Amino acid sequence: MPNMPNTQDIVQKLWSLCHILRDDGITYHEYVTELTYLLFLKMTKETGTEEQLPKGYRWDDLTKTDGIELLQFYKKLLIDLGGQGSGRVQAIFANASTSFRQPRHLRTVVEAIDALDWYSAKSEGLGDLYEGLLEKNAEETKSGAGQYFTPRPLIETMVARIQPQPGERVQDPAIGTGGFLINADRYVKAHTDGYHDLPVAQQIFQRREAFYGVELVPDVQRLALMNAMLHDIEGDIALGDTMGPTGARLPKADVILTNPPFGTKKGGGGPSRDDLTYPTSNKQLVFLQHVYRGLKPDGRAAVVLPDNVLFEEGVGQKVRGDLMDKCDLHTILRLPTGIFYAQGVKTNVLFFTRGAKDKGNTQAVWFFDMRTNMPSFGKRTPFTRAHFAEFEKAYGEDRQGKSPRQDHGETGRFRKFTREEIGKRGDNLDISWLKDDSVTDHADLPEPDEIAAEIVVQLQTALEEMLALQEELGVASP
């Protein structure tokens, strides 16, 4: 008996079609968006949920046409579904358009989707199939989609340490393609027999209200909506700006899991929110304020942030001080470089719990250095969940997230710094203590003041040479 195709095989077949479509000028990201439209139509047929689509706009209606009529019908279908059908249908097809210009290319994709082994796909999980496509897109550097896709091993570790519980509201204010919410839902299902252990009312809450978030980019929100639907999650995934009124209106959460965008707000200037104490154009500092202000008392968060959040002065220092007052910032995980984003971007995960009061909640911060003397991750050395084993053991088990490792001693990569020690550093959390074996021993190098003095001499010499040259050429000094 031949081997049955698995999800990875199906993903590879679908992904291989993008090479055919290059002649049509279709990018990887556009291809995934097109697949989202077409897979939605096909999956509603396969799962018996076509009633959410108006008659005449279903998969079989698409496959009946060919040539230029196929492309024209597809274009009309995309426009009309943006205003008809169920709420989720309208959200997925909102402002939809196609990148296909050649009817034969559209026909190729439609026939390939129709020919897939949908029995196997359904048995393994349609959500897994779609996540596989999103991961392929993120891995393809030319698509530029990596910024919307956090590596699954990192997501799984963050969720496993935060441990979302039934009945809790879980938020991602920078949802991307939905990885954190999908994994949080998967975690709760794994501990409740797929929600079957819960009362009916709580099952409905988990499906409709427990998971929610915001995405700024329309096409990415579309992918998140599709991903959520295939995992039976109906929570609100809003299109909007967390740094604006949309973020201010979000209900407070029991858990927040997120990897916010890096950089500064487009066009400069600060966020358009009047509920933040420390306005700044630095996106990650805005998101960090949103997260700790958006938690309920005893609410828990795990947030991916770049190094500059740990040491930036001015507003950065004030935000860190406010965070450590309002929350128990109990753990900082220093991540290896190169696991996502540009190779040189250095990131961390901050784990914290909102206090009942707004002062004195952080007594000590435990740091786990997963960066120093770690391998260079990439295709030759894939980054896996196993790399987090030492951190997860050190972090420990605690469903409330309150300093879970107090009974553990310090290890080489795991060290505690008291709030007093951090205060003496000006609330600078950019702390390292391990020696980097890749760095040459600099014992024979001159002292910093000697280097500075040499630079001053060189600058003075250069200035004198420039003035002499100006005098020689008869150019007046400024």
Protein backbone atom coordinates (compact mmCIF):
# COMPACT_ATOMS: atom_id res chain seq x y z
CA MET A 1 0.00 0.00 0.00
CA PRO A 2 1.53 3.38 -0.98
CA ASN A 3 2.33 5.87 1.75
CA MET A 4 -0.43 8.39 2.39
CA PRO A 5 0.65 12.00 1.80
CA ASN A 6 1.05 14.01 4.97
CA THR A 7 0.58 17.71 5.61
CA GLN A 8 4.21 18.50 4.75
CA ASP A 9 3.81 16.82 1.35
CA ILE A 10 0.68 18.85 0.61
CA VAL A 11 2.34 22.07 1.71
CA GLN A 12 5.31 21.34 -0.55
CA LYS A 13 3.02 20.67 -3.53
CA LEU A 14 1.15 23.93 -3.01
CA TRP A 15 4.36 25.88 -2.44
CA SER A 16 6.01 24.51 -5.57
CA LEU A 17 3.32 26.22 -7.66
CA CYS A 18 4.69 29.65 -6.77
CA HIS A 19 7.62 28.98 -9.10
CA ILE A 20 5.19 28.62 -12.02
CA LEU A 21 3.57 31.91 -11.11
CA ARG A 22 6.74 33.97 -11.26
CA ASP A 23 6.03 34.48 -14.96
CA ASP A 24 2.86 36.28 -13.90
CA GLY A 25 4.85 38.62 -11.66
CA ILE A 26 3.28 37.19 -8.49
CA THR A 27 5.36 37.49 -5.33
CA TYR A 28 5.51 34.88 -2.57
CA HIS A 29 3.38 36.99 -0.25
CA GLU A 30 0.80 37.63 -2.98
CA TYR A 31 0.73 33.91 -3.69
CA VAL A 32 -0.08 33.06 -0.06
CA THR A 33 -2.85 35.66 -0.13
CA GLU A 34 -4.26 34.11 -3.34
CA LEU A 35 -4.04 30.66 -1.75
CA THR A 36 -5.97 31.99 1.23
CA TYR A 37 -8.90 32.97 -0.98
CA LEU A 38 -8.89 29.74 -2.96
CA LEU A 39 -8.26 27.45 0.02
CA PHE A 40 -11.09 29.13 1.91
CA LEU A 41 -13.52 28.26 -0.90
CA LYS A 42 -12.23 24.69 -1.16
CA MET A 43 -12.12 24.10 2.60
CA THR A 44 -15.72 25.24 3.10
CA LYS A 45 -16.73 22.58 0.59
CA GLU A 46 -14.60 19.88 2.23
CA THR A 47 -15.86 20.70 5.73
CA GLY A 48 -19.54 21.09 4.78
CA THR A 49 -19.71 24.76 5.76
CA GLU A 50 -20.54 26.29 2.36
CA GLU A 51 -23.77 27.75 3.76
CA GLN A 52 -21.71 30.74 4.96
CA LEU A 53 -21.09 31.58 1.28
CA PRO A 54 -23.81 32.95 -1.04
CA LYS A 55 -25.00 30.54 -3.72
CA GLY A 56 -23.17 30.99 -6.99
CA TYR A 57 -19.90 31.89 -5.24
CA ARG A 58 -18.70 28.47 -4.17
CA TRP A 59 -15.84 26.17 -5.17
CA ASP A 60 -17.78 24.19 -7.76
CA ASP A 61 -18.93 27.42 -9.41
CA LEU A 62 -15.27 28.37 -9.80
CA THR A 63 -14.19 25.02 -11.28
CA LYS A 64 -16.98 25.08 -13.90
CA THR A 65 -15.44 28.04 -15.73
CA ASP A 66 -12.28 28.28 -17.80
CA GLY A 67 -10.18 30.72 -19.81
CA ILE A 68 -10.87 34.42 -19.55
CA GLU A 69 -14.32 33.69 -18.06
CA LEU A 70 -12.57 31.98 -15.11
CA LEU A 71 -10.44 35.02 -14.34
CA GLN A 72 -13.39 37.41 -14.74
CA PHE A 73 -15.60 35.26 -12.49
CA TYR A 74 -12.83 35.02 -9.88
CA LYS A 75 -12.38 38.81 -9.84
CA LYS A 76 -16.14 39.33 -9.38
CA LEU A 77 -16.27 36.66 -6.67
CA LEU A 78 -13.52 38.39 -4.66
CA ILE A 79 -15.29 41.75 -4.82
CA ASP A 80 -18.75 40.40 -4.00
CA LEU A 81 -17.66 38.16 -1.09
CA GLY A 82 -16.22 41.26 0.59
CA GLY A 83 -19.82 42.38 1.15
CA GLN A 84 -21.77 39.11 1.33
CA GLY A 85 -21.79 35.95 3.40
CA SER A 86 -20.93 35.49 7.09
CA GLY A 87 -19.00 38.08 9.08
CA ARG A 88 -15.80 36.05 8.89
CA VAL A 89 -16.22 35.61 5.12
CA GLN A 90 -16.57 39.37 4.64
CA ALA A 91 -13.55 40.02 6.86
CA ILE A 92 -11.34 37.58 4.93
CA PHE A 93 -12.43 38.94 1.54
CA ALA A 94 -12.52 42.63 2.54
CA ASN A 95 -11.00 44.76 -0.27
CA ALA A 96 -9.78 41.56 -1.94
CA SER A 97 -8.24 41.66 -5.39
CA THR A 98 -6.20 39.23 -7.45
CA SER A 99 -2.64 39.37 -8.73
CA PHE A 100 -3.38 36.81 -11.46
CA ARG A 101 -3.18 38.19 -14.98
CA GLN A 102 -3.01 34.93 -16.92
CA PRO A 103 -6.16 32.70 -16.75
CA ARG A 104 -4.00 29.60 -17.32
CA HIS A 105 -2.03 30.29 -14.13
CA LEU A 106 -5.21 30.60 -12.10
CA ARG A 107 -6.48 27.36 -13.66
CA THR A 108 -3.21 25.61 -12.72
CA VAL A 109 -3.61 26.55 -9.05
CA VAL A 110 -7.32 25.68 -8.96
CA GLU A 111 -6.67 22.25 -10.47
CA ALA A 112 -3.75 21.61 -8.10
CA ILE A 113 -5.92 22.44 -5.07
CA ASP A 114 -8.73 20.25 -6.38
CA ALA A 115 -6.33 17.33 -6.87
CA LEU A 116 -4.96 17.32 -3.32
CA ASP A 117 -5.69 14.46 -0.93
CA TRP A 118 -8.19 16.33 1.21
CA TYR A 119 -9.05 13.26 3.27
CA SER A 120 -5.47 13.17 4.60
CA ALA A 121 -5.38 16.95 4.98
CA LYS A 122 -8.53 16.94 7.10
CA SER A 123 -7.37 14.02 9.23
CA GLU A 124 -4.08 15.75 10.03
CA GLY A 125 -5.72 19.15 10.51
CA LEU A 126 -6.42 21.88 7.97
CA GLY A 127 -4.98 24.40 10.41
CA ASP A 128 -1.62 22.61 10.35
CA LEU A 129 -1.65 22.73 6.55
CA TYR A 130 -2.24 26.46 6.51
CA GLU A 131 0.37 27.10 9.21
CA GLY A 132 2.84 25.17 7.06
CA LEU A 133 2.22 27.57 4.19
CA LEU A 134 2.66 30.59 6.45
CA GLU A 135 5.93 29.16 7.72
CA LYS A 136 7.16 28.57 4.16
CA ASN A 137 6.35 32.18 3.33
CA ALA A 138 8.21 33.43 6.39
CA GLU A 139 11.28 31.32 5.54
CA GLU A 140 11.39 32.78 2.03
CA THR A 141 13.45 35.91 2.67
CA LYS A 142 12.32 37.51 -0.59
CA SER A 143 8.73 37.61 0.70
CA GLY A 144 9.60 39.93 3.58
CA ALA A 145 7.04 38.06 5.70
CA GLY A 146 9.43 36.99 8.48
CA GLN A 147 8.49 40.06 10.53
CA TYR A 148 4.95 38.68 10.86
CA PHE A 149 5.96 35.15 11.82
CA THR A 150 7.58 34.32 15.15
CA PRO A 151 9.40 30.92 15.11
CA ARG A 152 7.16 28.19 16.48
CA PRO A 153 9.75 26.85 19.00
CA LEU A 154 9.89 30.29 20.64
CA ILE A 155 6.09 30.62 20.67
CA GLU A 156 5.69 27.15 22.20
CA THR A 157 8.19 27.92 24.95
CA MET A 158 6.59 31.27 25.83
CA VAL A 159 3.10 29.73 25.95
CA ALA A 160 4.28 26.70 27.97
CA ARG A 161 5.83 28.96 30.61
CA ILE A 162 2.89 31.37 30.83
CA GLN A 163 0.40 28.46 30.90
CA PRO A 164 -2.91 30.03 29.78
CA GLN A 165 -5.89 28.57 31.61
CA PRO A 166 -9.54 27.92 30.66
CA GLY A 167 -11.64 31.03 31.22
CA GLU A 168 -8.74 33.44 30.73
CA ARG A 169 -8.75 36.16 28.06
CA VAL A 170 -5.58 35.96 25.95
CA GLN A 171 -4.51 38.97 23.87
CA ASP A 172 -1.93 39.61 21.17
CA PRO A 173 -1.80 43.35 20.30
CA ALA A 174 0.51 42.67 17.31
CA ILE A 175 -1.07 39.48 16.08
CA GLY A 176 0.74 38.92 12.77
CA THR A 177 -0.52 35.63 11.33
CA GLY A 178 -1.87 34.52 14.71
CA GLY A 179 0.80 32.14 15.99
CA PHE A 180 0.58 33.06 19.68
CA LEU A 181 -3.20 32.80 19.89
CA ILE A 182 -3.26 29.55 17.90
CA ASN A 183 -0.67 28.01 20.23
CA ALA A 184 -2.37 29.29 23.39
CA ASP A 185 -5.62 27.71 22.18
CA ARG A 186 -3.73 24.49 21.43
CA TYR A 187 -2.21 24.52 24.95
CA VAL A 188 -5.59 24.89 26.69
CA LYS A 189 -7.15 22.23 24.46
CA ALA A 190 -4.32 19.81 25.31
CA HIS A 191 -5.09 20.21 29.01
CA THR A 192 -8.89 19.95 28.71
CA ASP A 193 -9.31 17.10 26.21
CA GLY A 194 -10.02 19.52 23.39
CA TYR A 195 -12.34 21.56 25.68
CA HIS A 196 -14.54 18.49 26.24
CA ASP A 197 -13.72 18.58 29.97
CA LEU A 198 -15.25 22.09 30.21
CA PRO A 199 -18.92 23.03 30.70
CA VAL A 200 -20.71 23.98 27.48
CA ALA A 201 -20.81 27.69 28.37
CA GLN A 202 -17.05 27.70 28.92
CA GLN A 203 -16.45 25.84 25.64
CA ILE A 204 -18.37 28.61 23.86
CA PHE A 205 -16.32 31.25 25.69
CA GLN A 206 -13.06 29.60 24.65
CA ARG A 207 -14.11 29.49 21.03
CA ARG A 208 -15.68 32.95 20.75
CA GLU A 209 -14.12 35.25 23.36
CA ALA A 210 -10.94 33.83 24.91
CA PHE A 211 -8.51 34.84 22.14
CA TYR A 212 -8.36 38.28 20.55
CA GLY A 213 -5.94 40.81 19.13
CA VAL A 214 -5.06 43.52 16.60
CA GLU A 215 -3.16 43.59 13.31
CA LEU A 216 -2.13 46.74 11.45
CA VAL A 217 -1.59 45.33 7.92
CA PRO A 218 -4.79 44.31 6.04
CA ASP A 219 -3.27 41.38 4.10
CA VAL A 220 -1.66 39.98 7.27
CA GLN A 221 -4.93 40.33 9.21
CA ARG A 222 -6.55 38.31 6.42
CA LEU A 223 -4.03 35.51 7.00
CA ALA A 224 -4.63 35.64 10.76
CA LEU A 225 -8.42 35.42 10.27
CA MET A 226 -8.03 32.37 8.04
CA ASN A 227 -5.59 30.75 10.47
CA ALA A 228 -7.95 31.32 13.39
CA MET A 229 -10.95 30.00 11.48
CA LEU A 230 -9.14 26.76 10.60
CA HIS A 231 -8.38 26.28 14.31
CA ASP A 232 -12.03 26.92 15.29
CA ILE A 233 -11.24 30.26 16.95
CA GLU A 234 -13.88 32.95 16.50
CA GLY A 235 -12.41 35.68 18.73
CA ASP A 236 -12.12 39.27 17.54
CA ILE A 237 -9.07 39.88 15.33
CA ALA A 238 -9.36 43.60 14.64
CA LEU A 239 -7.74 45.56 11.84
CA GLY A 240 -6.23 48.66 13.42
CA ASP A 241 -3.32 50.33 15.17
CA THR A 242 -2.49 49.29 18.72
CA MET A 243 -0.64 52.60 19.06
CA GLY A 244 -3.91 54.40 18.30
CA PRO A 245 -7.54 54.30 19.49
CA THR A 246 -7.95 50.60 18.55
CA GLY A 247 -5.31 49.63 21.12
CA ALA A 248 -6.78 51.90 23.78
CA ARG A 249 -10.18 50.18 23.42
CA LEU A 250 -8.90 46.62 23.84
CA PRO A 251 -10.37 44.86 26.91
CA LYS A 252 -7.91 44.07 29.69
CA ALA A 253 -6.40 40.60 29.52
CA ASP A 254 -5.42 37.78 31.84
CA VAL A 255 -2.58 36.87 29.47
CA ILE A 256 -0.74 38.84 26.80
CA LEU A 257 1.66 37.08 24.42
CA THR A 258 3.23 39.15 21.65
CA ASN A 259 6.18 39.96 19.41
CA PRO A 260 5.55 43.63 18.55
CA PRO A 261 7.07 45.39 15.52
CA PHE A 262 10.48 47.00 15.93
CA GLY A 263 11.50 50.49 14.87
CA THR A 264 9.81 53.88 15.10
CA LYS A 265 6.31 54.96 14.20
CA LYS A 266 6.00 55.83 10.50
CA GLY A 267 6.35 59.52 9.82
CA GLY A 268 7.92 60.10 13.23
CA GLY A 269 5.92 61.50 16.12
CA GLY A 270 4.39 59.64 19.01
CA PRO A 271 1.40 57.32 19.26
CA SER A 272 -2.10 58.78 18.98
CA ARG A 273 -3.09 57.54 22.44
CA ASP A 274 -3.81 59.69 25.46
CA ASP A 275 -3.77 56.83 27.98
CA LEU A 276 0.00 56.24 27.94
CA THR A 277 2.17 57.93 30.57
CA TYR A 278 5.33 58.12 28.46
CA PRO A 279 4.72 59.18 24.81
CA THR A 280 7.46 58.14 22.38
CA SER A 281 7.95 57.32 18.69
CA ASN A 282 9.72 54.09 19.71
CA LYS A 283 7.16 51.38 18.83
CA GLN A 284 8.42 48.75 21.22
CA LEU A 285 8.32 51.10 24.22
CA VAL A 286 4.73 51.99 23.29
CA PHE A 287 3.79 48.31 23.01
CA LEU A 288 5.49 47.50 26.31
CA GLN A 289 3.42 50.21 28.03
CA HIS A 290 0.29 48.88 26.35
CA VAL A 291 1.02 45.36 27.58
CA TYR A 292 1.63 46.04 31.26
CA ARG A 293 -1.19 48.59 31.43
CA GLY A 294 -3.51 46.16 29.64
CA LEU A 295 -3.12 43.31 32.13
CA LYS A 296 -5.64 42.57 34.86
CA PRO A 297 -4.22 42.28 38.42
CA ASP A 298 -2.22 39.00 38.50
CA GLY A 299 -2.32 38.96 34.69
CA ARG A 300 0.75 37.46 33.00
CA ALA A 301 2.72 38.49 29.94
CA ALA A 302 5.59 37.31 27.77
CA VAL A 303 6.84 39.87 25.23
CA VAL A 304 9.63 39.72 22.63
CA LEU A 305 11.62 42.99 22.64
CA PRO A 306 14.95 44.16 21.18
CA ASP A 307 18.00 44.97 23.33
CA ASN A 308 17.52 48.73 23.15
CA VAL A 309 14.43 48.45 25.38
CA LEU A 310 16.75 47.18 28.12
CA PHE A 311 19.21 50.08 28.05
CA GLU A 312 17.67 53.10 26.29
CA GLU A 313 17.87 56.20 28.47
CA GLY A 314 15.24 58.93 28.88
CA VAL A 315 11.79 57.53 28.17
CA GLY A 316 13.21 54.00 28.07
CA GLN A 317 14.49 54.28 31.64
CA LYS A 318 11.15 55.69 32.82
CA VAL A 319 9.18 52.90 31.15
CA ARG A 320 11.42 50.22 32.70
CA GLY A 321 11.02 51.79 36.13
CA ASP A 322 7.24 51.96 35.70
CA LEU A 323 7.16 48.33 34.52
CA MET A 324 9.12 47.13 37.56
CA ASP A 325 6.85 49.16 39.86
CA LYS A 326 3.54 47.96 38.43
CA CYS A 327 4.65 44.39 37.66
CA ASP A 328 6.85 41.63 38.94
CA LEU A 329 9.40 41.51 36.10
CA HIS A 330 10.66 38.13 37.23
CA THR A 331 12.47 36.77 34.14
CA ILE A 332 14.38 38.03 31.11
CA LEU A 333 15.41 35.47 28.49
CA ARG A 334 18.23 36.75 26.28
CA LEU A 335 17.66 35.09 22.89
CA PRO A 336 20.33 34.00 20.39
CA THR A 337 20.90 36.23 17.39
CA GLY A 338 19.72 35.23 13.94
CA ILE A 339 16.66 33.15 14.89
CA PHE A 340 14.40 35.69 13.16
CA TYR A 341 14.49 39.24 11.83
CA ALA A 342 17.84 40.40 10.45
CA GLN A 343 20.86 38.37 11.45
CA GLY A 344 22.26 41.04 13.75
CA VAL A 345 19.07 41.97 15.65
CA LYS A 346 19.35 41.02 19.32
CA THR A 347 16.14 40.19 21.15
CA ASN A 348 14.84 39.14 24.56
CA VAL A 349 11.66 37.79 26.11
CA LEU A 350 10.37 39.68 29.15
CA PHE A 351 8.15 37.64 31.49
CA PHE A 352 6.16 39.60 34.06
CA THR A 353 3.03 39.56 36.23
CA ARG A 354 0.84 42.59 36.97
CA GLY A 355 0.66 43.41 40.68
CA ALA A 356 -2.42 44.25 42.73
CA LYS A 357 -0.77 47.59 43.58
CA ASP A 358 1.23 49.97 41.39
CA LYS A 359 4.43 50.13 43.43
CA GLY A 360 7.28 47.84 44.47
CA ASN A 361 6.26 44.67 42.65
CA THR A 362 9.69 43.68 41.29
CA GLN A 363 12.03 42.46 44.03
CA ALA A 364 14.52 40.72 41.72
CA VAL A 365 14.96 39.83 38.05
CA TRP A 366 16.32 36.49 36.91
CA PHE A 367 18.27 36.53 33.64
CA PHE A 368 18.84 33.51 31.44
CA ASP A 369 21.59 34.07 28.86
CA MET A 370 20.78 31.94 25.83
CA ARG A 371 22.93 34.12 23.57
CA THR A 372 26.55 33.88 24.68
CA ASN A 373 28.50 30.94 23.20
CA MET A 374 25.45 29.58 21.37
CA PRO A 375 25.66 28.13 17.84
CA SER A 376 24.89 30.22 14.78
CA PHE A 377 21.37 29.16 13.87
CA GLY A 378 20.25 28.77 10.27
CA LYS A 379 19.51 26.05 7.74
CA ARG A 380 22.52 23.98 8.84
CA THR A 381 21.68 24.35 12.54
CA PRO A 382 17.89 24.62 12.82
CA PHE A 383 16.49 26.36 15.89
CA THR A 384 14.27 23.89 17.78
CA ARG A 385 12.27 23.61 21.00
CA ALA A 386 15.04 21.39 22.41
CA HIS A 387 17.33 24.43 22.60
CA PHE A 388 15.02 25.86 25.29
CA ALA A 389 15.21 22.78 27.54
CA GLU A 390 17.76 24.26 29.97
CA PHE A 391 15.84 27.53 30.22
CA GLU A 392 12.49 25.82 30.77
CA LYS A 393 13.97 23.67 33.53
CA ALA A 394 15.49 26.71 35.23
CA TYR A 395 12.29 28.76 34.86
CA GLY A 396 10.27 26.05 36.58
CA GLU A 397 6.54 25.47 36.87
CA ASP A 398 4.23 28.11 38.26
CA ARG A 399 0.75 28.81 36.97
CA GLN A 400 0.75 32.34 38.35
CA GLY A 401 4.12 33.26 36.90
CA LYS A 402 5.44 34.74 40.16
CA SER A 403 9.20 34.17 40.42
CA PRO A 404 8.83 30.43 39.78
CA ARG A 405 12.50 29.66 40.27
CA GLN A 406 12.98 30.92 43.83
CA ASP A 407 13.87 27.42 44.95
CA HIS A 408 16.42 26.98 42.15
CA GLY A 409 20.01 28.11 42.55
CA GLU A 410 21.97 30.20 40.10
CA THR A 411 23.66 28.36 37.24
CA GLY A 412 26.13 29.46 34.60
CA ARG A 413 23.45 30.87 32.30
CA PHE A 414 20.92 31.73 35.01
CA ARG A 415 21.52 34.59 37.44
CA LYS A 416 19.49 36.80 39.76
CA PHE A 417 19.89 40.57 40.20
CA THR A 418 18.00 42.36 42.95
CA ARG A 419 15.91 45.46 42.34
CA GLU A 420 18.46 47.41 44.37
CA GLU A 421 21.33 46.23 42.16
CA ILE A 422 19.37 47.15 39.03
CA GLY A 423 18.53 50.57 40.50
CA LYS A 424 22.24 51.29 40.98
CA ARG A 425 22.64 50.65 37.24
CA GLY A 426 20.08 53.36 36.44
CA ASP A 427 17.47 50.64 35.76
CA ASN A 428 19.65 49.41 32.90
CA LEU A 429 18.66 45.77 32.24
CA ASP A 430 21.28 45.09 29.56
CA ILE A 431 23.22 42.73 31.83
CA SER A 432 25.85 40.18 30.76
CA TRP A 433 28.22 38.11 32.88
CA LEU A 434 29.35 35.19 30.71
CA LYS A 435 32.63 35.45 28.83
CA ASP A 436 32.16 35.21 25.08
CA ASP A 437 34.62 32.54 23.90
CA SER A 438 34.49 33.95 20.35
CA VAL A 439 35.96 37.26 21.50
CA THR A 440 39.76 37.57 21.61
CA ASP A 441 41.35 38.19 24.99
CA HIS A 442 41.89 41.96 25.15
CA ALA A 443 44.14 41.97 28.20
CA ASP A 444 46.98 43.55 26.21
CA LEU A 445 44.86 46.32 24.75
CA PRO A 446 45.38 49.90 26.05
CA GLU A 447 43.03 51.36 28.64
CA PRO A 448 39.93 53.28 27.38
CA ASP A 449 41.39 56.66 28.47
CA GLU A 450 44.55 55.93 26.48
CA ILE A 451 42.45 55.10 23.40
CA ALA A 452 40.41 58.31 23.85
CA ALA A 453 43.57 60.40 24.15
CA GLU A 454 44.94 58.87 20.95
CA ILE A 455 41.69 59.68 19.10
CA VAL A 456 41.87 63.30 20.28
CA VAL A 457 45.46 63.58 18.99
CA GLN A 458 44.45 62.11 15.61
CA LEU A 459 41.52 64.51 15.30
CA GLN A 460 43.71 67.51 16.18
CA THR A 461 46.29 66.44 13.59
CA ALA A 462 43.61 66.04 10.93
CA LEU A 463 42.19 69.49 11.77
CA GLU A 464 45.60 71.12 11.55
CA GLU A 465 46.24 69.48 8.17
CA MET A 466 42.87 70.68 6.87
CA LEU A 467 43.54 74.29 8.01
CA ALA A 468 46.97 74.20 6.40
CA LEU A 469 45.47 72.97 3.13
CA GLN A 470 42.82 75.71 3.20
CA GLU A 471 45.52 78.35 3.74
CA GLU A 472 47.54 76.93 0.87
CA LEU A 473 44.53 77.05 -1.47
CA GLY A 474 43.51 80.50 -0.27
CA VAL A 475 40.19 79.29 1.12
CA ALA A 476 38.86 81.22 4.12
CA SER A 477 38.32 79.22 7.30
CA PRO A 478 34.67 78.87 8.42
